[in-house]
Structures are given as C-alpha cells and as structure tokens.
Amino acid sequence: VVQLTVHSATGLAPRSSASLFSSKKTHSDPFVVIHGLALDTDGRCQTSFETPVVKKTLDPEWEFDCVGYLPGPLTDIRLELFDKGGMTTATKSLGAVTLK
C-alpha cells in the first residue's frame, strides 16, 4: 500500500491571463495528476488521481491524500503539474517528477 500526500507548490510561473482581453500572464490555475498507482493488490485496475484546481495562484496548497497499490515491483509514480485551461486556452503541463 502506498499513501501519497501532495502538499503544495511555490513560485509557479504565471500561465493564465487576468482577463480574456489581456495577454499579460498574471497567475496559474494549478492542479496535479498522479499516475502509476492501482486500486487493487494485483495491479489490474490502474488509475490516476487528480488534486482539485486551485484558482488564480502561484503558490497553491492542496493537502491532497491518495492511497493505492504499486502494480509491480519496479513501478514508477509520476506526478505532473498542470495549469487548467479556460474557455480560450488549453490545459498546459508545468512540469513533472517521477518517483522511482
């Protein structure tokens, strides 16, 4: 069993604009996706977990817990940080880390 907590991030790059009519990037709407865990002990039901989106911040705090199983002995867990897209913008990756 693996219990993982995503606490926070600081100093993120701004990727979202203050309004539809502004091109100046002032904030991000960040969230994290966790890949590599399974919902059952035999690893057949792999899943992703996703933190809530924290709106308009460069220093988000999630305190998000997830519990799962490693599907195999050499499984990596990947956490990827995204900026949530809006009506006129796409969701963008801000970076990732792999736990081995």
C-alpha atoms as a PDB file:
ATOM      1  CA  VAL A   1       0.000   0.000   0.000  1.00  0.00           C
ATOM      2  CA  VAL A   2       1.233   3.474  -0.898  1.00  0.00           C
ATOM      3  CA  GLN A   3      -0.131   6.608   0.739  1.00  0.00           C
ATOM      4  CA  LEU A   4       0.901   9.792  -1.027  1.00  0.00           C
ATOM      5  CA  THR A   5       0.194  13.387   0.010  1.00  0.00           C
ATOM      6  CA  VAL A   6       0.525  16.339  -2.357  1.00  0.00           C
ATOM      7  CA  HIS A   7       1.086  19.298  -0.045  1.00  0.00           C
ATOM      8  CA  SER A   8       1.856  22.455  -2.031  1.00  0.00           C
ATOM      9  CA  ALA A   9       3.966  24.248  -4.633  1.00  0.00           C
ATOM     10  CA  THR A  10       5.607  27.667  -4.539  1.00  0.00           C
ATOM     11  CA  GLY A  11       6.782  30.169  -7.115  1.00  0.00           C
ATOM     12  CA  LEU A  12       4.974  28.734 -10.135  1.00  0.00           C
ATOM     13  CA  ALA A  13       5.285  30.516 -13.457  1.00  0.00           C
ATOM     14  CA  PRO A  14       2.196  32.531 -14.440  1.00  0.00           C
ATOM     15  CA  ARG A  15       0.386  30.899 -17.356  1.00  0.00           C
ATOM     16  CA  SER A  16      -3.098  32.462 -17.252  1.00  0.00           C
ATOM     17  CA  SER A  17      -4.265  35.967 -18.114  1.00  0.00           C
ATOM     18  CA  ALA A  18      -6.224  38.289 -15.876  1.00  0.00           C
ATOM     19  CA  SER A  19      -8.993  38.603 -18.499  1.00  0.00           C
ATOM     20  CA  LEU A  20      -9.991  37.482 -21.979  1.00  0.00           C
ATOM     21  CA  PHE A  21      -8.731  40.784 -23.381  1.00  0.00           C
ATOM     22  CA  SER A  22      -5.291  40.735 -21.749  1.00  0.00           C
ATOM     23  CA  SER A  23      -2.221  38.897 -23.000  1.00  0.00           C
ATOM     24  CA  LYS A  24      -0.275  39.530 -19.778  1.00  0.00           C
ATOM     25  CA  LYS A  25       0.141  36.344 -17.723  1.00  0.00           C
ATOM     26  CA  THR A  26      -0.576  37.022 -14.051  1.00  0.00           C
ATOM     27  CA  HIS A  27      -1.400  33.699 -12.374  1.00  0.00           C
ATOM     28  CA  SER A  28      -1.959  29.959 -12.861  1.00  0.00           C
ATOM     29  CA  ASP A  29      -4.818  27.611 -12.017  1.00  0.00           C
ATOM     30  CA  PRO A  30      -2.693  24.635 -10.944  1.00  0.00           C
ATOM     31  CA  PHE A  31      -3.550  21.015 -10.244  1.00  0.00           C
ATOM     32  CA  VAL A  32      -1.558  17.762 -10.028  1.00  0.00           C
ATOM     33  CA  VAL A  33      -2.229  14.389 -11.680  1.00  0.00           C
ATOM     34  CA  ILE A  34      -0.704  11.274 -10.063  1.00  0.00           C
ATOM     35  CA  HIS A  35      -0.064   8.263 -12.348  1.00  0.00           C
ATOM     36  CA  GLY A  36       1.210   4.779 -11.560  1.00  0.00           C
ATOM     37  CA  LEU A  37      -0.975   3.529  -8.715  1.00  0.00           C
ATOM     38  CA  ALA A  38      -3.548   0.740  -8.837  1.00  0.00           C
ATOM     39  CA  LEU A  39      -6.812   0.378  -6.940  1.00  0.00           C
ATOM     40  CA  ASP A  40      -6.332  -3.346  -6.269  1.00  0.00           C
ATOM     41  CA  THR A  41      -3.480  -5.506  -4.943  1.00  0.00           C
ATOM     42  CA  ASP A  42      -2.897  -7.379  -8.223  1.00  0.00           C
ATOM     43  CA  GLY A  43      -2.398  -4.155 -10.207  1.00  0.00           C
ATOM     44  CA  ARG A  44      -5.094  -4.824 -12.825  1.00  0.00           C
ATOM     45  CA  CYS A  45      -7.107  -1.697 -12.082  1.00  0.00           C
ATOM     46  CA  GLN A  46      -4.627   1.133 -12.623  1.00  0.00           C
ATOM     47  CA  THR A  47      -5.866   4.663 -12.130  1.00  0.00           C
ATOM     48  CA  SER A  48      -4.886   8.316 -11.943  1.00  0.00           C
ATOM     49  CA  PHE A  49      -5.606  10.635  -9.054  1.00  0.00           C
ATOM     50  CA  GLU A  50      -6.135  14.368  -9.511  1.00  0.00           C
ATOM     51  CA  THR A  51      -5.955  17.172  -6.970  1.00  0.00           C
ATOM     52  CA  PRO A  52      -8.534  19.938  -7.076  1.00  0.00           C
ATOM     53  CA  VAL A  53      -7.685  23.013  -9.155  1.00  0.00           C
ATOM     54  CA  VAL A  54      -6.537  25.950  -7.016  1.00  0.00           C
ATOM     55  CA  LYS A  55      -7.654  29.076  -8.856  1.00  0.00           C
ATOM     56  CA  LYS A  56      -5.533  32.167  -9.530  1.00  0.00           C
ATOM     57  CA  THR A  57      -2.386  31.414  -7.536  1.00  0.00           C
ATOM     58  CA  LEU A  58       1.329  30.842  -7.980  1.00  0.00           C
ATOM     59  CA  ASP A  59       1.629  29.209  -4.534  1.00  0.00           C
ATOM     60  CA  PRO A  60      -1.097  26.529  -4.346  1.00  0.00           C
ATOM     61  CA  GLU A  61      -1.796  24.391  -1.284  1.00  0.00           C
ATOM     62  CA  TRP A  62      -3.653  21.101  -1.795  1.00  0.00           C
ATOM     63  CA  GLU A  63      -3.062  18.806   1.216  1.00  0.00           C
ATOM     64  CA  PHE A  64      -4.418  16.046  -1.057  1.00  0.00           C
ATOM     65  CA  ASP A  65      -4.111  12.394   0.033  1.00  0.00           C
ATOM     66  CA  CYS A  66      -4.413   9.327  -2.153  1.00  0.00           C
ATOM     67  CA  VAL A  67      -3.933   5.647  -1.363  1.00  0.00           C
ATOM     68  CA  GLY A  68      -3.214   2.893  -3.864  1.00  0.00           C
ATOM     69  CA  TYR A  69      -1.080  -0.122  -4.656  1.00  0.00           C
ATOM     70  CA  LEU A  70       2.016  -0.425  -6.808  1.00  0.00           C
ATOM     71  CA  PRO A  71       1.072  -2.578  -9.829  1.00  0.00           C
ATOM     72  CA  GLY A  72       4.545  -4.165  -9.897  1.00  0.00           C
ATOM     73  CA  PRO A  73       7.865  -4.162  -8.064  1.00  0.00           C
ATOM     74  CA  LEU A  74       9.548  -1.702 -10.457  1.00  0.00           C
ATOM     75  CA  THR A  75       6.630   0.702 -10.875  1.00  0.00           C
ATOM     76  CA  ASP A  76       7.313   4.434 -11.083  1.00  0.00           C
ATOM     77  CA  ILE A  77       4.891   7.005  -9.691  1.00  0.00           C
ATOM     78  CA  ARG A  78       4.647  10.142 -11.821  1.00  0.00           C
ATOM     79  CA  LEU A  79       3.292  13.465 -10.597  1.00  0.00           C
ATOM     80  CA  GLU A  80       2.553  16.053 -13.276  1.00  0.00           C
ATOM     81  CA  LEU A  81       1.637  19.669 -12.564  1.00  0.00           C
ATOM     82  CA  PHE A  82      -0.792  21.409 -14.911  1.00  0.00           C
ATOM     83  CA  ASP A  83      -2.326  24.841 -15.412  1.00  0.00           C
ATOM     84  CA  LYS A  84      -6.058  24.381 -16.022  1.00  0.00           C
ATOM     85  CA  GLY A  85      -7.174  25.861 -19.316  1.00  0.00           C
ATOM     86  CA  GLY A  86     -10.103  28.172 -19.723  1.00  0.00           C
ATOM     87  CA  MET A  87     -12.640  28.969 -22.411  1.00  0.00           C
ATOM     88  CA  THR A  88      -9.979  30.206 -24.820  1.00  0.00           C
ATOM     89  CA  THR A  89      -6.857  28.381 -23.596  1.00  0.00           C
ATOM     90  CA  ALA A  90      -5.729  24.773 -23.356  1.00  0.00           C
ATOM     91  CA  THR A  91      -4.613  22.976 -20.199  1.00  0.00           C
ATOM     92  CA  LYS A  92      -0.794  23.113 -20.115  1.00  0.00           C
ATOM     93  CA  SER A  93       1.823  20.994 -18.376  1.00  0.00           C
ATOM     94  CA  LEU A  94       4.008  22.995 -15.991  1.00  0.00           C
ATOM     95  CA  GLY A  95       6.375  20.107 -15.235  1.00  0.00           C
ATOM     96  CA  ALA A  96       6.609  16.612 -13.812  1.00  0.00           C
ATOM     97  CA  VAL A  97       8.575  14.453 -11.392  1.00  0.00           C
ATOM     98  CA  THR A  98       8.947  10.672 -11.313  1.00  0.00           C
ATOM     99  CA  LEU A  99       9.338   8.746  -8.057  1.00  0.00           C
ATOM    100  CA  LYS A 100      11.269   5.512  -8.563  1.00  0.00           C
END
